[in-house]
Protein backbone atom coordinates (compact mmCIF):
# COMPACT_ATOMS: atom_id res chain seq x y z
CA MET A 1 8.83 -7.57 -9.47
CA THR A 2 10.23 -4.29 -8.19
CA LEU A 3 8.66 -1.02 -9.20
CA THR A 4 10.96 1.17 -11.23
CA GLY A 5 12.25 4.05 -9.14
CA ARG A 6 10.45 2.82 -6.02
CA PRO A 7 12.16 1.40 -2.96
CA ARG A 8 11.56 -2.22 -2.12
CA CYS A 9 10.85 -3.09 1.49
CA GLU A 10 13.38 -5.71 2.53
CA THR A 11 11.27 -7.04 5.40
CA ARG A 12 7.60 -7.15 6.17
CA ASP A 13 8.36 -7.99 9.80
CA ASP A 14 9.19 -4.41 10.83
CA PRO A 15 6.54 -3.59 13.47
CA THR A 16 6.41 0.04 12.32
CA ASN A 17 5.25 -0.96 8.84
CA VAL A 18 1.56 -1.18 8.02
CA ILE A 19 1.11 -4.03 5.54
CA LEU A 20 -1.49 -3.72 2.77
CA ARG A 21 -2.37 -6.66 0.53
CA LEU A 22 -4.01 -6.12 -2.85
CA SER A 23 -6.49 -8.62 -4.23
CA ASP A 24 -5.04 -8.01 -7.71
CA PRO A 25 -1.27 -7.45 -8.00
CA ALA A 26 -1.79 -5.67 -11.33
CA TYR A 27 -2.84 -2.62 -9.29
CA LEU A 28 0.39 -2.46 -7.26
CA GLU A 29 1.87 0.57 -9.03
CA ARG A 30 -1.46 2.40 -8.81
CA LEU A 31 -1.70 1.75 -5.07
CA VAL A 32 1.85 2.97 -4.43
CA ALA A 33 1.17 6.10 -6.53
CA PHE A 34 -2.11 6.69 -4.71
CA LEU A 35 -0.41 6.40 -1.33
CA ASP A 36 2.30 8.80 -2.48
CA SER A 37 -0.39 11.27 -3.57
CA VAL A 38 -1.83 11.37 -0.04
CA GLY A 39 1.57 11.80 1.59
CA GLN A 40 2.19 8.16 2.53
CA ARG A 41 5.29 6.37 1.30
CA GLY A 42 4.45 2.86 0.18
CA MET A 43 7.13 0.29 -0.56
CA GLU A 44 6.65 -2.94 -2.46
CA ALA A 45 7.21 -5.87 -0.10
CA GLU A 46 6.28 -8.63 -2.57
CA GLY A 47 4.01 -9.15 -5.56
CA SER A 48 0.72 -7.93 -4.10
CA VAL A 49 1.92 -6.45 -0.80
CA VAL A 50 2.77 -2.84 0.01
CA ALA A 51 4.33 -1.77 3.31
CA LEU A 52 3.80 1.78 4.50
CA GLU A 53 7.04 3.36 5.64
CA ARG A 54 5.60 4.67 8.89
CA GLU A 55 2.66 4.12 11.16
CA ILE A 56 -0.45 6.16 10.52
CA PRO A 57 -3.58 6.54 12.63
CA GLU A 58 -6.10 3.80 11.96
CA GLU A 59 -8.88 6.24 11.07
CA GLU A 60 -6.65 8.00 8.54
CA LEU A 61 -5.79 4.68 6.93
CA ARG A 62 -9.48 3.75 6.77
CA ILE A 63 -10.23 7.02 4.96
CA TYR A 64 -7.49 6.38 2.39
CA LEU A 65 -8.72 2.83 1.81
CA ARG A 66 -12.31 4.06 1.39
CA VAL A 67 -11.16 6.51 -1.28
CA TRP A 68 -9.15 3.71 -2.94
CA SER A 69 -12.24 1.46 -2.95
CA VAL A 70 -14.26 4.17 -4.73
CA LEU A 71 -11.52 4.71 -7.31
CA TYR A 72 -10.75 0.99 -7.80
CA PRO A 73 -13.66 -1.13 -6.56
CA GLU A 74 -12.31 -4.07 -8.52
CA ALA A 75 -9.05 -4.08 -6.49
CA PRO A 76 -9.83 -4.35 -2.78
CA VAL A 77 -7.03 -3.91 -0.24
CA SER A 78 -6.80 -5.66 3.12
CA VAL A 79 -4.71 -4.60 6.11
CA GLU A 80 -2.47 -7.24 7.69
């Protein structure tokens, strides 16, 4: 499934990509939109995986994921 109007990441093996895996793929569009809203470009890599287009500092990523967990506690995200 490719998000309408959103780029699809052709490879998850790019070392510059940060890979995020959702526990529930139904939240994929919301996660990509959330990342866009905080200035991070997320690309769908596969059903429940989003790759960030560029590296971000670990602490910044942790802050974004904490906000996500408050907004969507039912859809945890793990970093690969």
